[in-house]
Amino acid sequence: MACAIATALALTALPLAAQSNTAGKSTSSQAAAAKPSTDTTRKKVRGSLGPQAGDRHMAFRDAGSDADSLWPPKMPAALPGSILPAKRIIAFYGNPLSKRMGILGEFETPEMLRKLDAEVAAWNKADPAHPVQPALHLIAMVANPHPGPSGKYRTRMDSSLIERVYGWSKSKNAVMFVDLQVGQSTLREELPWIEKFLVRPDVHLGIDPEFSMKNGGIPGKRIGTYDAADINYAIRFLANLVEKHNLPPKVLVVHRFTPKGVTNAKDIKLDPRVQVVMHMDGFGAPWLKRDTYWRDIKKEPVQFTGWKQFTKTKNDNPATSREAILRLWPVPLYIQLQ
């Protein structure tokens, strides 16, 4: 099993070239000769991207990005039992069988859960207006660099492992996400496999385009993709479960850190029974992650947004502060720690 879960970490977010454009007031010489100018208006200074953007980064609120006006997008009203937007989800991500795939498996269980408690407390202090809903985000299907017995370049975790993590989440009044890295399989084939967990009211879904090799290729060697049609299929699948089993709305987390990771995002069809989080999944310096957030999340609005925070300095050095995350617009309501 250990070799089956030796999947590659997500590739870094692609850098964007820094931009800075300013526009000031100008007055014609004829008008100036006729009378003193009383025009004190100035065109708004446009924000920028890249390592020199600082406080004028266009991922921030009111920093000059035209994309500010796209938020919030039109969306269904939240149904009773919805987690978002009233709360913020703080999720520990990984797999108990690997110390390399995320904080969920990096530490012994009691220590990991203590760290979760501390993170929840810190976020509740940073933004008391959005009480934290803790979560454990389990990679329940792991993409592999080898085809394996299924020939699909993916491994399904045993039900006993999923149940173990579910028990941990229950002990902390947390919800659980089951995350699928489908390899050369499809959501249509794999969602029925995980349905027996998704029918529980406190279990939600994550899908990872990076490891969806729908156009061929080996996971970890090439970046995969999902189209809006794939995401719409997952939304319909979850909505049907909510309807059939009288469940509270589900949360669907879609990882993204490249433009082609999700194609035709404008065609994603929202459903009040499913809350969609487009999750910025890249790593790197804070400015680089903000570049990715602006390009792949802010400029292509869907519904809610997420932010990946790596806990190792080899990935995020330095880490983005909570205060800086709260300055983003839209403000992420799903924070994943890996």
Protein backbone atom coordinates (compact mmCIF):
# COMPACT_ATOMS: atom_id res chain seq x y z
CA MET A 1 0.00 0.00 0.00
CA ALA A 2 2.89 2.37 0.77
CA CYS A 3 4.08 2.44 -2.84
CA ALA A 4 0.51 2.88 -4.01
CA ILE A 5 0.23 6.22 -2.26
CA ALA A 6 3.61 7.62 -3.33
CA THR A 7 1.99 10.25 -5.49
CA ALA A 8 3.77 13.48 -6.42
CA LEU A 9 3.01 16.72 -4.59
CA ALA A 10 1.13 19.34 -6.57
CA LEU A 11 3.31 21.27 -9.02
CA THR A 12 3.94 24.89 -8.18
CA ALA A 13 1.67 27.65 -9.36
CA LEU A 14 2.75 29.24 -12.61
CA PRO A 15 4.19 32.75 -12.13
CA LEU A 16 2.67 35.77 -13.82
CA ALA A 17 4.56 38.77 -15.12
CA ALA A 18 4.24 41.81 -12.86
CA GLN A 19 2.05 44.58 -14.19
CA SER A 20 1.68 48.17 -13.02
CA ASN A 21 -0.36 50.80 -14.85
CA THR A 22 -1.19 54.22 -13.48
CA ALA A 23 -3.32 56.94 -14.97
CA GLY A 24 -3.26 60.49 -13.68
CA LYS A 25 -5.16 63.69 -14.33
CA SER A 26 -4.32 65.73 -17.43
CA THR A 27 -5.48 69.26 -18.35
CA SER A 28 -5.25 70.92 -21.78
CA SER A 29 -3.21 74.14 -22.06
CA GLN A 30 -6.19 76.03 -23.50
CA ALA A 31 -8.41 75.17 -20.54
CA ALA A 32 -5.62 76.10 -18.17
CA ALA A 33 -5.24 79.52 -19.83
CA ALA A 34 -8.95 80.22 -19.61
CA LYS A 35 -9.30 79.49 -15.88
CA PRO A 36 -7.57 77.62 -13.08
CA SER A 37 -8.38 73.93 -13.03
CA THR A 38 -10.80 72.84 -10.31
CA ASP A 39 -10.80 69.18 -11.38
CA THR A 40 -9.34 67.28 -8.45
CA THR A 41 -10.47 63.83 -9.59
CA ARG A 42 -7.95 61.13 -10.39
CA LYS A 43 -8.36 57.89 -12.16
CA LYS A 44 -8.01 54.95 -9.82
CA VAL A 45 -4.49 53.58 -9.67
CA ARG A 46 -4.48 50.10 -11.08
CA GLY A 47 -3.09 47.29 -8.97
CA SER A 48 -0.30 44.98 -10.04
CA LEU A 49 0.95 41.42 -9.92
CA GLY A 50 4.25 39.78 -9.16
CA PRO A 51 6.83 40.06 -6.37
CA GLN A 52 6.78 43.88 -6.29
CA ALA A 53 3.00 44.26 -6.02
CA GLY A 54 2.95 44.49 -2.22
CA ASP A 55 -0.27 45.96 -0.84
CA ARG A 56 -1.42 46.82 -4.38
CA HIS A 57 -1.70 43.19 -5.42
CA MET A 58 -4.83 42.68 -7.51
CA ALA A 59 -5.83 39.64 -5.48
CA PHE A 60 -6.54 42.01 -2.58
CA ARG A 61 -9.81 43.86 -2.08
CA ASP A 62 -9.96 47.35 -3.63
CA ALA A 63 -6.45 47.13 -5.08
CA GLY A 64 -7.44 48.08 -8.61
CA SER A 65 -8.50 44.77 -10.16
CA ASP A 66 -11.45 44.88 -12.55
CA ALA A 67 -12.30 41.40 -11.23
CA ASP A 68 -13.40 42.91 -7.89
CA SER A 69 -16.77 43.72 -9.45
CA LEU A 70 -17.35 40.06 -10.37
CA TRP A 71 -17.84 39.16 -6.71
CA PRO A 72 -20.03 37.94 -5.26
CA PRO A 73 -21.34 36.10 -8.33
CA LYS A 74 -24.98 35.28 -8.74
CA MET A 75 -25.73 32.12 -6.76
CA PRO A 76 -28.63 30.25 -5.18
CA ALA A 77 -29.66 31.31 -1.69
CA ALA A 78 -28.19 29.11 1.03
CA LEU A 79 -30.53 26.34 2.15
CA PRO A 80 -31.03 25.39 5.81
CA GLY A 81 -28.10 23.31 7.01
CA SER A 82 -25.61 24.92 4.61
CA ILE A 83 -22.10 25.42 5.98
CA LEU A 84 -21.25 28.36 3.72
CA PRO A 85 -21.19 31.34 3.79
CA ALA A 86 -21.97 31.64 7.50
CA LYS A 87 -18.93 29.58 8.55
CA ARG A 88 -15.34 29.07 7.41
CA ILE A 89 -14.08 25.52 6.88
CA ILE A 90 -10.58 24.78 8.21
CA ALA A 91 -9.45 21.43 6.83
CA PHE A 92 -6.41 19.23 7.54
CA TYR A 93 -5.51 17.38 4.32
CA GLY A 94 -3.64 14.15 3.61
CA ASN A 95 -3.66 10.41 4.13
CA PRO A 96 -2.78 8.50 7.33
CA LEU A 97 -0.61 6.09 5.34
CA SER A 98 1.82 8.81 4.25
CA LYS A 99 3.76 11.47 6.15
CA ARG A 100 4.53 13.26 2.86
CA MET A 101 1.02 13.88 1.55
CA GLY A 102 -0.16 16.30 4.20
CA ILE A 103 -0.59 17.18 7.83
CA LEU A 104 -3.39 14.62 8.27
CA GLY A 105 -0.82 11.80 8.11
CA GLU A 106 2.33 13.63 9.15
CA PHE A 107 1.80 13.38 12.91
CA GLU A 108 0.45 10.85 15.35
CA THR A 109 -3.31 11.21 15.61
CA PRO A 110 -3.53 12.90 19.05
CA GLU A 111 -0.93 15.52 18.05
CA MET A 112 -2.59 16.10 14.69
CA LEU A 113 -5.94 16.71 16.36
CA ARG A 114 -4.37 19.08 18.89
CA LYS A 115 -2.91 21.05 15.99
CA LEU A 116 -6.36 21.16 14.40
CA ASP A 117 -7.80 22.57 17.63
CA ALA A 118 -5.11 25.26 17.70
CA GLU A 119 -5.71 26.22 14.06
CA VAL A 120 -9.46 26.46 14.65
CA ALA A 121 -8.89 28.71 17.66
CA ALA A 122 -6.52 30.96 15.70
CA TRP A 123 -8.98 31.42 12.84
CA ASN A 124 -11.89 32.05 15.19
CA LYS A 125 -9.80 34.82 16.75
CA ALA A 126 -8.74 36.24 13.36
CA ASP A 127 -12.29 36.38 11.98
CA PRO A 128 -14.98 35.84 14.64
CA ALA A 129 -17.66 36.81 12.13
CA HIS A 130 -17.19 33.41 10.45
CA PRO A 131 -17.10 30.66 13.11
CA VAL A 132 -14.91 27.76 12.07
CA GLN A 133 -16.25 24.40 10.93
CA PRO A 134 -13.28 22.03 11.39
CA ALA A 135 -12.72 19.31 8.79
CA LEU A 136 -10.48 16.39 7.92
CA HIS A 137 -9.87 16.15 4.17
CA LEU A 138 -8.85 12.59 3.33
CA ILE A 139 -7.32 11.55 0.01
CA ALA A 140 -9.58 8.52 -0.31
CA MET A 141 -8.42 7.67 -3.84
CA VAL A 142 -4.73 8.17 -4.63
CA ALA A 143 -3.31 8.60 -8.12
CA ASN A 144 -0.33 6.34 -8.91
CA PRO A 145 2.59 6.53 -11.35
CA HIS A 146 1.87 2.89 -12.28
CA PRO A 147 -1.33 1.39 -13.73
CA GLY A 148 -1.85 -1.10 -10.88
CA PRO A 149 -4.33 -3.99 -10.96
CA SER A 150 -7.14 -1.74 -12.22
CA GLY A 151 -5.05 -0.31 -15.05
CA LYS A 152 -6.45 3.11 -14.04
CA TYR A 153 -3.38 4.60 -12.31
CA ARG A 154 -5.32 5.00 -9.08
CA THR A 155 -5.81 3.17 -5.76
CA ARG A 156 -8.99 3.14 -3.71
CA MET A 157 -8.41 3.28 0.05
CA ASP A 158 -9.87 0.52 2.20
CA SER A 159 -13.19 1.28 3.87
CA SER A 160 -11.55 0.60 7.24
CA LEU A 161 -9.12 3.49 6.71
CA ILE A 162 -11.91 5.85 5.67
CA GLU A 163 -13.93 4.83 8.72
CA ARG A 164 -10.91 5.47 10.96
CA VAL A 165 -10.56 9.05 9.70
CA TYR A 166 -14.33 9.51 9.95
CA GLY A 167 -14.08 8.52 13.62
CA TRP A 168 -11.38 11.13 14.17
CA SER A 169 -13.58 13.79 12.62
CA LYS A 170 -16.55 12.83 14.78
CA SER A 171 -14.39 13.15 17.90
CA LYS A 172 -13.83 16.84 17.05
CA ASN A 173 -17.30 17.67 15.72
CA ALA A 174 -15.61 18.04 12.36
CA VAL A 175 -16.88 17.18 8.91
CA MET A 176 -14.95 14.91 6.57
CA PHE A 177 -14.09 15.34 2.90
CA VAL A 178 -13.32 12.34 0.72
CA ASP A 179 -11.00 13.44 -2.07
CA LEU A 180 -10.69 11.62 -5.40
CA GLN A 181 -7.57 11.51 -7.59
CA VAL A 182 -9.07 9.45 -10.41
CA GLY A 183 -5.94 8.90 -12.53
CA GLN A 184 -7.09 7.47 -15.86
CA SER A 185 -10.53 6.66 -14.46
CA THR A 186 -13.49 9.08 -14.38
CA LEU A 187 -15.85 10.64 -11.88
CA ARG A 188 -18.69 8.74 -13.51
CA GLU A 189 -16.94 5.48 -12.66
CA GLU A 190 -15.64 6.40 -9.20
CA LEU A 191 -18.40 8.41 -7.50
CA PRO A 192 -20.65 5.35 -7.02
CA TRP A 193 -17.77 3.68 -5.15
CA ILE A 194 -17.65 6.44 -2.55
CA GLU A 195 -21.43 6.97 -2.34
CA LYS A 196 -21.79 4.88 0.82
CA PHE A 197 -19.82 7.59 2.67
CA LEU A 198 -21.31 10.57 0.87
CA VAL A 199 -24.82 9.64 2.04
CA ARG A 200 -23.72 10.64 5.54
CA PRO A 201 -24.74 14.22 6.39
CA ASP A 202 -21.24 15.22 7.54
CA VAL A 203 -19.23 13.82 4.61
CA HIS A 204 -18.42 16.03 1.61
CA LEU A 205 -16.45 15.68 -1.63
CA GLY A 206 -13.18 16.94 -3.09
CA ILE A 207 -12.09 16.37 -6.70
CA ASP A 208 -8.59 17.01 -8.03
CA PRO A 209 -8.16 17.96 -11.71
CA GLU A 210 -4.38 17.68 -11.42
CA PHE A 211 -4.69 13.90 -11.26
CA SER A 212 -7.55 13.51 -13.75
CA MET A 213 -5.70 12.17 -16.78
CA LYS A 214 -8.67 12.29 -19.14
CA ASN A 215 -6.37 13.07 -22.07
CA GLY A 216 -3.93 10.30 -21.21
CA GLY A 217 -0.60 10.52 -19.46
CA ILE A 218 0.82 9.38 -16.14
CA PRO A 219 -0.23 11.14 -12.91
CA GLY A 220 2.62 13.25 -11.56
CA LYS A 221 4.25 13.47 -14.98
CA ARG A 222 1.58 15.65 -16.55
CA ILE A 223 -1.03 18.00 -15.10
CA GLY A 224 -4.57 16.72 -15.61
CA THR A 225 -7.81 18.59 -16.14
CA TYR A 226 -11.55 18.71 -15.56
CA ASP A 227 -14.06 20.48 -17.74
CA ALA A 228 -17.22 22.20 -16.50
CA ALA A 229 -19.08 19.13 -17.76
CA ASP A 230 -17.18 16.92 -15.27
CA ILE A 231 -17.84 19.30 -12.39
CA ASN A 232 -21.51 19.54 -13.36
CA TYR A 233 -21.70 15.75 -13.24
CA ALA A 234 -20.33 15.76 -9.69
CA ILE A 235 -22.80 18.52 -8.71
CA ARG A 236 -25.75 16.52 -10.08
CA PHE A 237 -24.53 13.35 -8.34
CA LEU A 238 -24.32 15.11 -4.97
CA ALA A 239 -27.60 16.99 -5.46
CA ASN A 240 -29.40 13.70 -6.13
CA LEU A 241 -28.00 12.23 -2.91
CA VAL A 242 -29.17 15.28 -0.95
CA GLU A 243 -32.65 14.95 -2.45
CA LYS A 244 -32.93 11.19 -2.08
CA HIS A 245 -31.66 10.99 1.50
CA ASN A 246 -32.96 14.32 2.82
CA LEU A 247 -29.44 15.57 3.59
CA PRO A 248 -28.14 19.07 4.29
CA PRO A 249 -26.37 20.64 1.31
CA LYS A 250 -23.05 19.11 0.29
CA VAL A 251 -19.79 21.01 -0.22
CA LEU A 252 -17.80 20.22 -3.38
CA VAL A 253 -14.15 21.33 -3.34
CA VAL A 254 -12.45 21.61 -6.74
CA HIS A 255 -8.66 22.02 -6.61
CA ARG A 256 -7.08 24.36 -9.15
CA PHE A 257 -3.69 25.96 -9.76
CA THR A 258 -3.39 26.24 -13.56
CA PRO A 259 -5.62 27.89 -16.19
CA LYS A 260 -6.26 24.57 -17.95
CA GLY A 261 -6.92 22.73 -14.69
CA VAL A 262 -10.59 23.69 -15.07
CA THR A 263 -11.86 24.47 -18.55
CA ASN A 264 -15.08 26.38 -19.36
CA ALA A 265 -15.60 27.42 -15.73
CA LYS A 266 -18.32 29.84 -16.85
CA ASP A 267 -20.46 26.82 -17.78
CA ILE A 268 -20.53 25.35 -14.26
CA LYS A 269 -24.19 25.13 -13.24
CA LEU A 270 -24.87 25.83 -9.57
CA ASP A 271 -27.45 23.97 -7.53
CA PRO A 272 -28.66 25.09 -4.08
CA ARG A 273 -28.12 21.54 -2.79
CA VAL A 274 -24.36 21.72 -3.52
CA GLN A 275 -21.94 24.48 -2.48
CA VAL A 276 -18.99 24.72 -4.87
CA VAL A 277 -15.57 25.85 -3.63
CA MET A 278 -12.93 26.69 -6.24
CA HIS A 279 -9.78 26.07 -4.26
CA MET A 280 -6.41 27.71 -5.02
CA ASP A 281 -4.08 24.73 -4.73
CA GLY A 282 -0.64 26.16 -5.57
CA PHE A 283 2.42 26.63 -3.41
CA GLY A 284 5.23 29.16 -3.29
CA ALA A 285 5.92 32.66 -2.01
CA PRO A 286 2.85 34.65 -0.94
CA TRP A 287 2.97 36.90 -4.04
CA LEU A 288 3.08 33.87 -6.34
CA LYS A 289 0.10 32.29 -4.65
CA ARG A 290 -1.78 35.59 -4.88
CA ASP A 291 -0.96 35.72 -8.62
CA THR A 292 -2.50 32.27 -9.00
CA TYR A 293 -5.52 33.17 -6.88
CA TRP A 294 -6.18 36.26 -9.03
CA ARG A 295 -5.72 34.42 -12.33
CA ASP A 296 -7.45 31.08 -11.69
CA ILE A 297 -9.99 31.87 -8.97
CA LYS A 298 -10.84 35.57 -8.82
CA LYS A 299 -11.05 36.16 -12.58
CA GLU A 300 -13.32 33.13 -13.17
CA PRO A 301 -15.99 33.36 -10.47
CA VAL A 302 -18.05 30.29 -9.67
CA GLN A 303 -19.38 30.43 -6.08
CA PHE A 304 -17.07 30.21 -3.03
CA THR A 305 -13.28 30.16 -2.87
CA GLY A 306 -10.52 28.31 -1.03
CA TRP A 307 -6.84 28.76 -0.21
CA LYS A 308 -4.17 26.06 0.22
CA GLN A 309 -1.67 26.61 3.02
CA PHE A 310 1.34 24.29 3.11
CA THR A 311 2.85 23.68 6.52
CA LYS A 312 6.40 22.97 5.30
CA THR A 313 8.76 25.81 4.43
CA LYS A 314 10.02 23.96 1.36
CA ASN A 315 6.59 24.65 -0.15
CA ASP A 316 5.45 27.96 1.39
CA ASN A 317 8.38 30.10 2.49
CA PRO A 318 7.27 32.27 4.11
CA ALA A 319 3.75 31.14 4.82
CA THR A 320 0.95 33.57 3.96
CA SER A 321 -0.41 35.10 7.16
CA ARG A 322 -4.06 34.79 8.16
CA GLU A 323 -4.32 38.57 8.01
CA ALA A 324 -3.14 38.55 4.37
CA ILE A 325 -5.57 35.77 3.47
CA LEU A 326 -8.41 37.82 4.97
CA ARG A 327 -7.43 40.76 2.73
CA LEU A 328 -8.10 38.71 -0.41
CA TRP A 329 -11.22 39.44 -2.40
CA PRO A 330 -13.23 37.31 -2.42
CA VAL A 331 -12.23 36.20 1.06
CA PRO A 332 -11.69 32.40 1.10
CA LEU A 333 -14.18 30.47 3.20
CA TYR A 334 -12.34 27.17 2.86
CA ILE A 335 -8.75 26.93 4.12
CA GLN A 336 -6.88 23.71 3.54
CA LEU A 337 -3.65 22.91 5.38
CA GLN A 338 -1.38 20.30 3.84
